[in-house]
């Protein structure tokens, strides 16, 4: 039986592994059909490193930002989770 994802557990791991404020690296894989949605809701185009998959169906995004707290990181992932087909790494 697999354990379901918990934002509270994720927040605790962040706090155990990072000392805030810190620089945090976000990584996402987004279907090409949702790229504009990603840029509008999560990170503007000029703020991320973007790479298109070989077949063009997906884009990977990497962004490194200064964050003040684990809550800031968790809130970004919660917003990202609303994008259909997005994978958070």
Protein backbone atom coordinates (compact mmCIF):
# COMPACT_ATOMS: atom_id res chain seq x y z
CA UNK A 1 0.00 0.00 0.00
CA UNK A 2 1.46 3.36 -0.98
CA UNK A 3 1.41 6.36 1.29
CA UNK A 4 -0.50 9.36 -0.08
CA UNK A 5 1.26 12.68 -0.49
CA UNK A 6 1.05 15.07 2.44
CA UNK A 7 1.98 18.75 2.21
CA UNK A 8 2.55 18.72 5.97
CA UNK A 9 5.13 15.93 5.63
CA UNK A 10 6.74 17.74 2.70
CA UNK A 11 6.94 20.95 4.74
CA UNK A 12 8.60 19.07 7.61
CA UNK A 13 11.16 17.55 5.21
CA UNK A 14 11.91 20.99 3.80
CA UNK A 15 12.48 22.35 7.29
CA UNK A 16 14.69 19.37 8.20
CA UNK A 17 16.82 19.70 5.05
CA UNK A 18 17.00 23.48 4.59
CA UNK A 19 17.71 26.47 6.75
CA UNK A 20 15.39 29.30 5.72
CA UNK A 21 15.77 31.76 4.13
CA UNK A 22 17.57 29.85 1.38
CA UNK A 23 17.83 29.38 -2.37
CA UNK A 24 15.47 26.65 -3.54
CA UNK A 25 15.43 24.87 -6.89
CA UNK A 26 12.06 24.00 -8.38
CA UNK A 27 11.77 21.43 -11.16
CA UNK A 28 8.65 20.67 -13.15
CA UNK A 29 7.68 18.72 -16.25
CA UNK A 30 4.72 20.25 -18.07
CA UNK A 31 2.75 19.03 -21.08
CA UNK A 32 3.33 21.35 -24.04
CA UNK A 33 -0.39 22.16 -24.05
CA UNK A 34 -0.06 23.67 -20.55
CA UNK A 35 3.12 25.75 -20.98
CA UNK A 36 1.34 29.10 -21.19
CA UNK A 37 -0.80 28.19 -18.17
CA UNK A 38 2.40 27.34 -16.27
CA UNK A 39 4.01 30.67 -17.16
CA UNK A 40 0.90 32.62 -16.23
CA UNK A 41 0.25 30.87 -12.91
CA UNK A 42 3.67 29.79 -11.62
CA UNK A 43 6.77 31.42 -13.14
CA UNK A 44 7.03 33.94 -15.97
CA UNK A 45 9.04 32.72 -18.96
CA UNK A 46 12.06 34.93 -18.22
CA UNK A 47 12.42 33.43 -14.72
CA UNK A 48 12.95 29.77 -15.66
CA UNK A 49 15.29 27.57 -17.61
CA UNK A 50 13.17 25.80 -20.20
CA UNK A 51 13.91 22.65 -22.21
CA UNK A 52 11.64 21.00 -24.77
CA UNK A 53 11.46 17.19 -24.91
CA UNK A 54 12.73 15.39 -27.99
CA UNK A 55 9.21 14.62 -29.21
CA UNK A 56 7.88 18.08 -28.24
CA UNK A 57 5.12 16.78 -25.99
CA UNK A 58 6.64 18.12 -22.76
CA UNK A 59 8.79 20.92 -21.41
CA UNK A 60 10.99 20.73 -18.34
CA UNK A 61 11.42 23.83 -16.23
CA UNK A 62 14.04 24.61 -13.62
CA UNK A 63 13.94 27.72 -11.48
CA UNK A 64 16.11 28.75 -8.55
CA UNK A 65 14.79 31.41 -6.20
CA UNK A 66 15.48 32.86 -2.80
CA UNK A 67 12.64 31.79 -0.51
CA UNK A 68 11.86 32.97 2.99
CA UNK A 69 10.14 29.87 4.36
CA UNK A 70 8.96 26.34 3.74
CA UNK A 71 5.43 27.74 3.42
CA UNK A 72 6.53 29.71 0.36
CA UNK A 73 7.84 26.52 -1.29
CA UNK A 74 4.73 24.51 -0.38
CA UNK A 75 2.42 27.23 -1.72
CA UNK A 76 4.22 27.21 -5.07
CA UNK A 77 3.81 23.43 -5.34
CA UNK A 78 0.12 23.70 -4.40
CA UNK A 79 -0.44 26.23 -7.20
CA UNK A 80 1.49 24.03 -9.63
CA UNK A 81 -0.56 20.96 -8.71
CA UNK A 82 -3.61 22.64 -10.29
CA UNK A 83 -2.05 22.49 -13.76
CA UNK A 84 -3.27 19.37 -15.62
CA UNK A 85 -0.55 16.82 -16.32
CA UNK A 86 2.19 18.73 -14.46
CA UNK A 87 4.83 16.61 -12.71
CA UNK A 88 6.76 18.08 -9.79
CA UNK A 89 10.27 16.77 -9.22
